[in-house]
Amino acid sequence: MIVEQIYLENGSALGLKFDMEHAPLLVIRARKGFVMCGYLNMDVANKLGDAAVRVTGVTSFEDVLNARIVDVSEAAKKLGITAGMQAKEALMKMV
């Protein structure tokens, strides 16, 4: 497991990386929400009321930050986050 501080223009977040059998599981957690990779489920994030966004095709924290969002929870939409936005932009709304 790798834990890394992710520095943003207006704050910071915590990156977690777990090496799984075929691809890494990646999450970057900010104060108000998180960015998750395709391993994790948006339906559960919505059910729990979490501000979450999902990106796919990522293998590193840098990939996550640069990826375009493919799915957005209802709570994240209330923060002004939309599909197609770069994940780094979303995190800056979540810090």
PDB file of N, CA and C in Angstrom:
ATOM      1  N   MET A   1       0.844  -1.174   0.000  1.00  0.00           N
ATOM      2  CA  MET A   1       0.000   0.000   0.000  1.00  0.00           C
ATOM      3  C   MET A   1       0.892   1.242   0.000  1.00  0.00           C
ATOM      4  N   ILE A   2       0.486   2.230  -0.777  1.00  0.00           N
ATOM      5  CA  ILE A   2       1.192   3.505  -0.830  1.00  0.00           C
ATOM      6  C   ILE A   2       0.230   4.594  -0.359  1.00  0.00           C
ATOM      7  N   VAL A   3       0.701   5.438   0.537  1.00  0.00           N
ATOM      8  CA  VAL A   3      -0.053   6.593   1.015  1.00  0.00           C
ATOM      9  C   VAL A   3       0.781   7.813   0.672  1.00  0.00           C
ATOM     10  N   GLU A   4       0.159   8.792  -0.003  1.00  0.00           N
ATOM     11  CA  GLU A   4       0.911   9.965  -0.450  1.00  0.00           C
ATOM     12  C   GLU A   4       0.073  11.231  -0.272  1.00  0.00           C
ATOM     13  N   GLN A   5       0.715  12.285   0.210  1.00  0.00           N
ATOM     14  CA  GLN A   5       0.067  13.587   0.296  1.00  0.00           C
ATOM     15  C   GLN A   5       0.032  14.181  -1.110  1.00  0.00           C
ATOM     16  N   ILE A   6      -1.154  14.609  -1.548  1.00  0.00           N
ATOM     17  CA  ILE A   6      -1.331  15.200  -2.873  1.00  0.00           C
ATOM     18  C   ILE A   6      -1.548  16.697  -2.666  1.00  0.00           C
ATOM     19  N   TYR A   7      -0.636  17.508  -3.178  1.00  0.00           N
ATOM     20  CA  TYR A   7      -0.734  18.955  -3.002  1.00  0.00           C
ATOM     21  C   TYR A   7      -1.459  19.581  -4.185  1.00  0.00           C
ATOM     22  N   LEU A   8      -2.458  20.395  -3.865  1.00  0.00           N
ATOM     23  CA  LEU A   8      -3.259  21.102  -4.859  1.00  0.00           C
ATOM     24  C   LEU A   8      -3.032  22.603  -4.675  1.00  0.00           C
ATOM     25  N   GLU A   9      -3.521  23.398  -5.612  1.00  0.00           N
ATOM     26  CA  GLU A   9      -3.326  24.838  -5.527  1.00  0.00           C
ATOM     27  C   GLU A   9      -3.968  25.446  -4.287  1.00  0.00           C
ATOM     28  N   ASN A  10      -5.073  24.872  -3.827  1.00  0.00           N
ATOM     29  CA  ASN A  10      -5.806  25.467  -2.705  1.00  0.00           C
ATOM     30  C   ASN A  10      -5.904  24.553  -1.489  1.00  0.00           C
ATOM     31  N   GLY A  11      -5.049  23.568  -1.386  1.00  0.00           N
ATOM     32  CA  GLY A  11      -5.081  22.657  -0.251  1.00  0.00           C
ATOM     33  C   GLY A  11      -4.375  21.360  -0.577  1.00  0.00           C
ATOM     34  N   SER A  12      -4.734  20.312   0.134  1.00  0.00           N
ATOM     35  CA  SER A  12      -4.118  19.013  -0.130  1.00  0.00           C
ATOM     36  C   SER A  12      -5.126  17.899   0.090  1.00  0.00           C
ATOM     37  N   ALA A  13      -4.778  16.731  -0.413  1.00  0.00           N
ATOM     38  CA  ALA A  13      -5.610  15.536  -0.294  1.00  0.00           C
ATOM     39  C   ALA A  13      -4.692  14.361   0.010  1.00  0.00           C
ATOM     40  N   LEU A  14      -5.282  13.239   0.322  1.00  0.00           N
ATOM     41  CA  LEU A  14      -4.514  12.045   0.656  1.00  0.00           C
ATOM     42  C   LEU A  14      -4.739  10.975  -0.400  1.00  0.00           C
ATOM     43  N   GLY A  15      -3.667  10.517  -1.027  1.00  0.00           N
ATOM     44  CA  GLY A  15      -3.753   9.471  -2.038  1.00  0.00           C
ATOM     45  C   GLY A  15      -3.476   8.104  -1.438  1.00  0.00           C
ATOM     46  N   LEU A  16      -4.308   7.137  -1.792  1.00  0.00           N
ATOM     47  CA  LEU A  16      -4.136   5.748  -1.360  1.00  0.00           C
ATOM     48  C   LEU A  16      -4.063   4.861  -2.587  1.00  0.00           C
ATOM     49  N   LYS A  17      -3.054   3.997  -2.625  1.00  0.00           N
ATOM     50  CA  LYS A  17      -2.890   3.084  -3.754  1.00  0.00           C
ATOM     51  C   LYS A  17      -2.650   1.673  -3.220  1.00  0.00           C
ATOM     52  N   PHE A  18      -3.488   0.758  -3.672  1.00  0.00           N
ATOM     53  CA  PHE A  18      -3.348  -0.650  -3.314  1.00  0.00           C
ATOM     54  C   PHE A  18      -3.055  -1.417  -4.595  1.00  0.00           C
ATOM     55  N   ASP A  19      -1.950  -2.141  -4.628  1.00  0.00           N
ATOM     56  CA  ASP A  19      -1.652  -2.964  -5.789  1.00  0.00           C
ATOM     57  C   ASP A  19      -2.472  -4.246  -5.708  1.00  0.00           C
ATOM     58  N   MET A  20      -3.371  -4.400  -6.660  1.00  0.00           N
ATOM     59  CA  MET A  20      -4.217  -5.582  -6.731  1.00  0.00           C
ATOM     60  C   MET A  20      -3.585  -6.550  -7.733  1.00  0.00           C
ATOM     61  N   GLU A  21      -4.262  -7.615  -8.069  1.00  0.00           N
ATOM     62  CA  GLU A  21      -3.681  -8.615  -8.953  1.00  0.00           C
ATOM     63  C   GLU A  21      -3.440  -8.098 -10.368  1.00  0.00           C
ATOM     64  N   HIS A  22      -4.407  -7.365 -10.938  1.00  0.00           N
ATOM     65  CA  HIS A  22      -4.285  -6.953 -12.340  1.00  0.00           C
ATOM     66  C   HIS A  22      -4.151  -5.455 -12.562  1.00  0.00           C
ATOM     67  N   ALA A  23      -4.584  -4.660 -11.631  1.00  0.00           N
ATOM     68  CA  ALA A  23      -4.522  -3.204 -11.747  1.00  0.00           C
ATOM     69  C   ALA A  23      -4.572  -2.609 -10.342  1.00  0.00           C
ATOM     70  N   PRO A  24      -4.058  -1.401 -10.163  1.00  0.00           N
ATOM     71  CA  PRO A  24      -4.102  -0.796  -8.831  1.00  0.00           C
ATOM     72  C   PRO A  24      -5.480  -0.246  -8.493  1.00  0.00           C
ATOM     73  N   LEU A  25      -5.789  -0.246  -7.210  1.00  0.00           N
ATOM     74  CA  LEU A  25      -6.984   0.420  -6.696  1.00  0.00           C
ATOM     75  C   LEU A  25      -6.510   1.766  -6.163  1.00  0.00           C
ATOM     76  N   LEU A  26      -7.062   2.853  -6.702  1.00  0.00           N
ATOM     77  CA  LEU A  26      -6.619   4.197  -6.359  1.00  0.00           C
ATOM     78  C   LEU A  26      -7.767   5.042  -5.823  1.00  0.00           C
ATOM     79  N   VAL A  27      -7.487   5.791  -4.755  1.00  0.00           N
ATOM     80  CA  VAL A  27      -8.438   6.741  -4.189  1.00  0.00           C
ATOM     81  C   VAL A  27      -7.648   7.969  -3.768  1.00  0.00           C
ATOM     82  N   ILE A  28      -8.172   9.150  -4.091  1.00  0.00           N
ATOM     83  CA  ILE A  28      -7.603  10.385  -3.555  1.00  0.00           C
ATOM     84  C   ILE A  28      -8.711  11.056  -2.749  1.00  0.00           C
ATOM     85  N   ARG A  29      -8.469  11.224  -1.452  1.00  0.00           N
ATOM     86  CA  ARG A  29      -9.469  11.701  -0.497  1.00  0.00           C
ATOM     87  C   ARG A  29      -9.187  13.143  -0.108  1.00  0.00           C
ATOM     88  N   ALA A  30     -10.163  14.000  -0.322  1.00  0.00           N
ATOM     89  CA  ALA A  30     -10.097  15.393   0.122  1.00  0.00           C
ATOM     90  C   ALA A  30     -11.081  15.564   1.282  1.00  0.00           C
ATOM     91  N   ARG A  31     -11.150  16.753   1.835  1.00  0.00           N
ATOM     92  CA  ARG A  31     -11.989  16.993   3.018  1.00  0.00           C
ATOM     93  C   ARG A  31     -13.469  16.743   2.743  1.00  0.00           C
ATOM     94  N   LYS A  32     -13.978  17.172   1.566  1.00  0.00           N
ATOM     95  CA  LYS A  32     -15.404  17.070   1.268  1.00  0.00           C
ATOM     96  C   LYS A  32     -15.780  15.902   0.364  1.00  0.00           C
ATOM     97  N   GLY A  33     -14.821  15.113  -0.086  1.00  0.00           N
ATOM     98  CA  GLY A  33     -15.155  14.011  -0.982  1.00  0.00           C
ATOM     99  C   GLY A  33     -13.918  13.324  -1.511  1.00  0.00           C
ATOM    100  N   PHE A  34     -14.106  12.504  -2.544  1.00  0.00           N
ATOM    101  CA  PHE A  34     -12.985  11.727  -3.062  1.00  0.00           C
ATOM    102  C   PHE A  34     -13.140  11.400  -4.536  1.00  0.00           C
ATOM    103  N   VAL A  35     -11.987  11.090  -5.139  1.00  0.00           N
ATOM    104  CA  VAL A  35     -11.925  10.574  -6.506  1.00  0.00           C
ATOM    105  C   VAL A  35     -11.568   9.101  -6.379  1.00  0.00           C
ATOM    106  N   MET A  36     -12.291   8.261  -7.091  1.00  0.00           N
ATOM    107  CA  MET A  36     -12.041   6.825  -7.027  1.00  0.00           C
ATOM    108  C   MET A  36     -11.820   6.267  -8.428  1.00  0.00           C
ATOM    109  N   CYS A  37     -11.122   5.153  -8.487  1.00  0.00           N
ATOM    110  CA  CYS A  37     -10.905   4.485  -9.773  1.00  0.00           C
ATOM    111  C   CYS A  37     -12.093   3.572 -10.081  1.00  0.00           C
ATOM    112  N   GLY A  38     -12.035   2.925 -11.218  1.00  0.00           N
ATOM    113  CA  GLY A  38     -13.123   2.082 -11.681  1.00  0.00           C
ATOM    114  C   GLY A  38     -13.425   0.870 -10.820  1.00  0.00           C
ATOM    115  N   TYR A  39     -12.529   0.517  -9.896  1.00  0.00           N
ATOM    116  CA  TYR A  39     -12.789  -0.608  -9.000  1.00  0.00           C
ATOM    117  C   TYR A  39     -13.980  -0.352  -8.075  1.00  0.00           C
ATOM    118  N   LEU A  40     -14.219   0.913  -7.756  1.00  0.00           N
ATOM    119  CA  LEU A  40     -15.210   1.249  -6.738  1.00  0.00           C
ATOM    120  C   LEU A  40     -16.554   1.619  -7.349  1.00  0.00           C
ATOM    121  N   ASN A  41     -17.603   1.561  -6.548  1.00  0.00           N
ATOM    122  CA  ASN A  41     -18.976   1.601  -7.032  1.00  0.00           C
ATOM    123  C   ASN A  41     -19.673   2.929  -6.713  1.00  0.00           C
ATOM    124  N   MET A  42     -20.135   3.614  -7.753  1.00  0.00           N
ATOM    125  CA  MET A  42     -20.810   4.903  -7.581  1.00  0.00           C
ATOM    126  C   MET A  42     -22.180   4.736  -6.923  1.00  0.00           C
ATOM    127  N   ASP A  43     -22.867   3.628  -7.162  1.00  0.00           N
ATOM    128  CA  ASP A  43     -24.173   3.421  -6.538  1.00  0.00           C
ATOM    129  C   ASP A  43     -24.071   3.448  -5.016  1.00  0.00           C
ATOM    130  N   VAL A  44     -23.017   2.860  -4.483  1.00  0.00           N
ATOM    131  CA  VAL A  44     -22.825   2.859  -3.031  1.00  0.00           C
ATOM    132  C   VAL A  44     -22.518   4.275  -2.541  1.00  0.00           C
ATOM    133  N   ALA A  45     -21.669   5.003  -3.260  1.00  0.00           N
ATOM    134  CA  ALA A  45     -21.361   6.389  -2.874  1.00  0.00           C
ATOM    135  C   ALA A  45     -22.639   7.223  -2.831  1.00  0.00           C
ATOM    136  N   ASN A  46     -23.508   7.049  -3.823  1.00  0.00           N
ATOM    137  CA  ASN A  46     -24.782   7.779  -3.829  1.00  0.00           C
ATOM    138  C   ASN A  46     -25.666   7.364  -2.657  1.00  0.00           C
ATOM    139  N   LYS A  47     -25.752   6.078  -2.405  1.00  0.00           N
ATOM    140  CA  LYS A  47     -26.583   5.568  -1.308  1.00  0.00           C
ATOM    141  C   LYS A  47     -26.139   6.143   0.031  1.00  0.00           C
ATOM    142  N   LEU A  48     -24.823   6.307   0.204  1.00  0.00           N
ATOM    143  CA  LEU A  48     -24.281   6.824   1.453  1.00  0.00           C
ATOM    144  C   LEU A  48     -24.251   8.353   1.503  1.00  0.00           C
ATOM    145  N   GLY A  49     -24.518   9.003   0.376  1.00  0.00           N
ATOM    146  CA  GLY A  49     -24.514  10.463   0.330  1.00  0.00           C
ATOM    147  C   GLY A  49     -23.133  11.078   0.221  1.00  0.00           C
ATOM    148  N   ASP A  50     -22.155  10.301  -0.228  1.00  0.00           N
ATOM    149  CA  ASP A  50     -20.790  10.804  -0.360  1.00  0.00           C
ATOM    150  C   ASP A  50     -20.609  11.626  -1.630  1.00  0.00           C
ATOM    151  N   ALA A  51     -19.755  12.647  -1.549  1.00  0.00           N
ATOM    152  CA  ALA A  51     -19.338  13.393  -2.730  1.00  0.00           C
ATOM    153  C   ALA A  51     -18.191  12.594  -3.357  1.00  0.00           C
ATOM    154  N   ALA A  52     -18.459  11.963  -4.483  1.00  0.00           N
ATOM    155  CA  ALA A  52     -17.471  11.101  -5.116  1.00  0.00           C
ATOM    156  C   ALA A  52     -17.516  11.261  -6.628  1.00  0.00           C
ATOM    157  N   VAL A  53     -16.361  11.068  -7.243  1.00  0.00           N
ATOM    158  CA  VAL A  53     -16.283  11.021  -8.699  1.00  0.00           C
ATOM    159  C   VAL A  53     -15.462   9.798  -9.069  1.00  0.00           C
ATOM    160  N   ARG A  54     -15.710   9.281 -10.272  1.00  0.00           N
ATOM    161  CA  ARG A  54     -15.008   8.077 -10.722  1.00  0.00           C
ATOM    162  C   ARG A  54     -14.268   8.376 -12.010  1.00  0.00           C
ATOM    163  N   VAL A  55     -13.035   7.879 -12.076  1.00  0.00           N
ATOM    164  CA  VAL A  55     -12.220   7.944 -13.283  1.00  0.00           C
ATOM    165  C   VAL A  55     -11.820   6.517 -13.643  1.00  0.00           C
ATOM    166  N   THR A  56     -11.467   6.291 -14.887  1.00  0.00           N
ATOM    167  CA  THR A  56     -11.080   4.944 -15.315  1.00  0.00           C
ATOM    168  C   THR A  56      -9.774   5.005 -16.096  1.00  0.00           C
ATOM    169  N   GLY A  57      -9.140   3.843 -16.233  1.00  0.00           N
ATOM    170  CA  GLY A  57      -7.908   3.740 -17.012  1.00  0.00           C
ATOM    171  C   GLY A  57      -6.703   4.374 -16.356  1.00  0.00           C
ATOM    172  N   VAL A  58      -6.678   4.388 -15.040  1.00  0.00           N
ATOM    173  CA  VAL A  58      -5.592   5.044 -14.306  1.00  0.00           C
ATOM    174  C   VAL A  58      -4.727   4.017 -13.578  1.00  0.00           C
ATOM    175  N   THR A  59      -3.423   4.317 -13.469  1.00  0.00           N
ATOM    176  CA  THR A  59      -2.517   3.419 -12.755  1.00  0.00           C
ATOM    177  C   THR A  59      -1.622   4.152 -11.755  1.00  0.00           C
ATOM    178  N   SER A  60      -1.757   5.485 -11.678  1.00  0.00           N
ATOM    179  CA  SER A  60      -0.937   6.275 -10.761  1.00  0.00           C
ATOM    180  C   SER A  60      -1.740   7.486 -10.276  1.00  0.00           C
ATOM    181  N   PHE A  61      -1.239   8.142  -9.235  1.00  0.00           N
ATOM    182  CA  PHE A  61      -1.899   9.349  -8.747  1.00  0.00           C
ATOM    183  C   PHE A  61      -1.914  10.426  -9.828  1.00  0.00           C
ATOM    184  N   GLU A  62      -0.822  10.549 -10.561  1.00  0.00           N
ATOM    185  CA  GLU A  62      -0.750  11.532 -11.649  1.00  0.00           C
ATOM    186  C   GLU A  62      -1.818  11.250 -12.697  1.00  0.00           C
ATOM    187  N   ASP A  63      -1.997   9.962 -13.036  1.00  0.00           N
ATOM    188  CA  ASP A  63      -3.061   9.583 -13.980  1.00  0.00           C
ATOM    189  C   ASP A  63      -4.427  10.019 -13.457  1.00  0.00           C
ATOM    190  N   VAL A  64      -4.666   9.789 -12.165  1.00  0.00           N
ATOM    191  CA  VAL A  64      -5.956  10.153 -11.569  1.00  0.00           C
ATOM    192  C   VAL A  64      -6.176  11.660 -11.676  1.00  0.00           C
ATOM    193  N   LEU A  65      -5.185  12.448 -11.303  1.00  0.00           N
ATOM    194  CA  LEU A  65      -5.318  13.901 -11.325  1.00  0.00           C
ATOM    195  C   LEU A  65      -5.615  14.435 -12.722  1.00  0.00           C
ATOM    196  N   ASN A  66      -5.041  13.806 -13.740  1.00  0.00           N
ATOM    197  CA  ASN A  66      -5.207  14.275 -15.114  1.00  0.00           C
ATOM    198  C   ASN A  66      -6.404  13.665 -15.840  1.00  0.00           C
ATOM    199  N   ALA A  67      -6.996  12.635 -15.258  1.00  0.00           N
ATOM    200  CA  ALA A  67      -8.105  11.931 -15.917  1.00  0.00           C
ATOM    201  C   ALA A  67      -9.367  12.780 -15.950  1.00  0.00           C
ATOM    202  N   ARG A  68     -10.194  12.508 -16.932  1.00  0.00           N
ATOM    203  CA  ARG A  68     -11.517  13.136 -17.031  1.00  0.00           C
ATOM    204  C   ARG A  68     -12.513  12.281 -16.261  1.00  0.00           C
ATOM    205  N   ILE A  69     -13.394  12.923 -15.554  1.00  0.00           N
ATOM    206  CA  ILE A  69     -14.388  12.239 -14.732  1.00  0.00           C
ATOM    207  C   ILE A  69     -15.437  11.579 -15.622  1.00  0.00           C
ATOM    208  N   VAL A  70     -15.747  10.313 -15.317  1.00  0.00           N
ATOM    209  CA  VAL A  70     -16.758   9.588 -16.089  1.00  0.00           C
ATOM    210  C   VAL A  70     -18.072   9.423 -15.333  1.00  0.00           C
ATOM    211  N   ASP A  71     -18.046   9.599 -14.012  1.00  0.00           N
ATOM    212  CA  ASP A  71     -19.254   9.421 -13.211  1.00  0.00           C
ATOM    213  C   ASP A  71     -19.175  10.336 -11.991  1.00  0.00           C
ATOM    214  N   VAL A  72     -20.304  10.932 -11.600  1.00  0.00           N
ATOM    215  CA  VAL A  72     -20.347  11.910 -10.514  1.00  0.00           C
ATOM    216  C   VAL A  72     -21.511  11.584  -9.585  1.00  0.00           C
ATOM    217  N   SER A  73     -21.256  11.551  -8.293  1.00  0.00           N
ATOM    218  CA  SER A  73     -22.342  11.317  -7.338  1.00  0.00           C
ATOM    219  C   SER A  73     -23.216  12.564  -7.233  1.00  0.00           C
ATOM    220  N   GLU A  74     -24.412  12.375  -6.702  1.00  0.00           N
ATOM    221  CA  GLU A  74     -25.338  13.502  -6.528  1.00  0.00           C
ATOM    222  C   GLU A  74     -24.746  14.556  -5.595  1.00  0.00           C
ATOM    223  N   ALA A  75     -24.072  14.124  -4.523  1.00  0.00           N
ATOM    224  CA  ALA A  75     -23.460  15.073  -3.587  1.00  0.00           C
ATOM    225  C   ALA A  75     -22.337  15.859  -4.257  1.00  0.00           C
ATOM    226  N   ALA A  76     -21.585  15.230  -5.146  1.00  0.00           N
ATOM    227  CA  ALA A  76     -20.509  15.927  -5.859  1.00  0.00           C
ATOM    228  C   ALA A  76     -21.088  16.941  -6.843  1.00  0.00           C
ATOM    229  N   LYS A  77     -22.215  16.614  -7.453  1.00  0.00           N
ATOM    230  CA  LYS A  77     -22.864  17.563  -8.366  1.00  0.00           C
ATOM    231  C   LYS A  77     -23.228  18.845  -7.630  1.00  0.00           C
ATOM    232  N   LYS A  78     -23.617  18.727  -6.358  1.00  0.00           N
ATOM    233  CA  LYS A  78     -23.975  19.899  -5.558  1.00  0.00           C
ATOM    234  C   LYS A  78     -22.764  20.794  -5.284  1.00  0.00           C
ATOM    235  N   LEU A  79     -21.560  20.246  -5.437  1.00  0.00           N
ATOM    236  CA  LEU A  79     -20.330  21.028  -5.277  1.00  0.00           C
ATOM    237  C   LEU A  79     -19.914  21.679  -6.594  1.00  0.00           C
ATOM    238  N   GLY A  80     -20.696  21.462  -7.663  1.00  0.00           N
ATOM    239  CA  GLY A  80     -20.375  22.039  -8.963  1.00  0.00           C
ATOM    240  C   GLY A  80     -19.498  21.165  -9.832  1.00  0.00           C
ATOM    241  N   ILE A  81     -19.421  19.892  -9.515  1.00  0.00           N
ATOM    242  CA  ILE A  81     -18.574  18.959 -10.263  1.00  0.00           C
ATOM    243  C   ILE A  81     -19.416  18.260 -11.322  1.00  0.00           C
ATOM    244  N   THR A  82     -18.852  18.127 -12.524  1.00  0.00           N
ATOM    245  CA  THR A  82     -19.570  17.513 -13.636  1.00  0.00           C
ATOM    246  C   THR A  82     -18.710  16.464 -14.324  1.00  0.00           C
ATOM    247  N   ALA A  83     -19.368  15.537 -15.004  1.00  0.00           N
ATOM    248  CA  ALA A  83     -18.660  14.549 -15.827  1.00  0.00           C
ATOM    249  C   ALA A  83     -17.895  15.298 -16.910  1.00  0.00           C
ATOM    250  N   GLY A  84     -16.718  14.795 -17.245  1.00  0.00           N
ATOM    251  CA  GLY A  84     -15.880  15.426 -18.246  1.00  0.00           C
ATOM    252  C   GLY A  84     -14.860  16.383 -17.659  1.00  0.00           C
ATOM    253  N   MET A  85     -15.105  16.837 -16.437  1.00  0.00           N
ATOM    254  CA  MET A  85     -14.168  17.723 -15.744  1.00  0.00           C
ATOM    255  C   MET A  85     -12.913  16.926 -15.397  1.00  0.00           C
ATOM    256  N   GLN A  86     -11.782  17.583 -15.343  1.00  0.00           N
ATOM    257  CA  GLN A  86     -10.550  16.925 -14.922  1.00  0.00           C
ATOM    258  C   GLN A  86     -10.635  16.644 -13.423  1.00  0.00           C
ATOM    259  N   ALA A  87     -10.185  15.482 -12.988  1.00  0.00           N
ATOM    260  CA  ALA A  87     -10.275  15.093 -11.582  1.00  0.00           C
ATOM    261  C   ALA A  87      -9.582  16.078 -10.657  1.00  0.00           C
ATOM    262  N   LYS A  88      -8.477  16.653 -11.082  1.00  0.00           N
ATOM    263  CA  LYS A  88      -7.781  17.646 -10.256  1.00  0.00           C
ATOM    264  C   LYS A  88      -8.690  18.840  -9.961  1.00  0.00           C
ATOM    265  N   GLU A  89      -9.471  19.283 -10.953  1.00  0.00           N
ATOM    266  CA  GLU A  89     -10.414  20.380 -10.739  1.00  0.00           C
ATOM    267  C   GLU A  89     -11.471  20.000  -9.700  1.00  0.00           C
ATOM    268  N   ALA A  90     -11.953  18.770  -9.795  1.00  0.00           N
ATOM    269  CA  ALA A  90     -12.952  18.295  -8.841  1.00  0.00           C
ATOM    270  C   ALA A  90     -12.381  18.274  -7.424  1.00  0.00           C
ATOM    271  N   LEU A  91     -11.167  17.791  -7.272  1.00  0.00           N
ATOM    272  CA  LEU A  91     -10.552  17.753  -5.947  1.00  0.00           C
ATOM    273  C   LEU A  91     -10.406  19.144  -5.349  1.00  0.00           C
ATOM    274  N   MET A  92     -10.115  20.129  -6.193  1.00  0.00           N
ATOM    275  CA  MET A  92      -9.979  21.491  -5.676  1.00  0.00           C
ATOM    276  C   MET A  92     -11.309  22.029  -5.162  1.00  0.00           C
ATOM    277  N   LYS A  93     -12.434  21.482  -5.644  1.00  0.00           N
ATOM    278  CA  LYS A  93     -13.749  21.852  -5.116  1.00  0.00           C
ATOM    279  C   LYS A  93     -14.074  21.070  -3.841  1.00  0.00           C
ATOM    280  N   MET A  94     -13.307  20.010  -3.588  1.00  0.00           N
ATOM    281  CA  MET A  94     -13.563  19.135  -2.437  1.00  0.00           C
ATOM    282  C   MET A  94     -12.665  19.416  -1.237  1.00  0.00           C
ATOM    283  N   VAL A  95     -11.603  20.228  -1.399  1.00  0.00           N
ATOM    284  CA  VAL A  95     -10.687  20.454  -0.271  1.00  0.00           C
ATOM    285  C   VAL A  95     -11.264  21.438   0.724  1.00  0.00           C
TER     286      VAL A  95
END
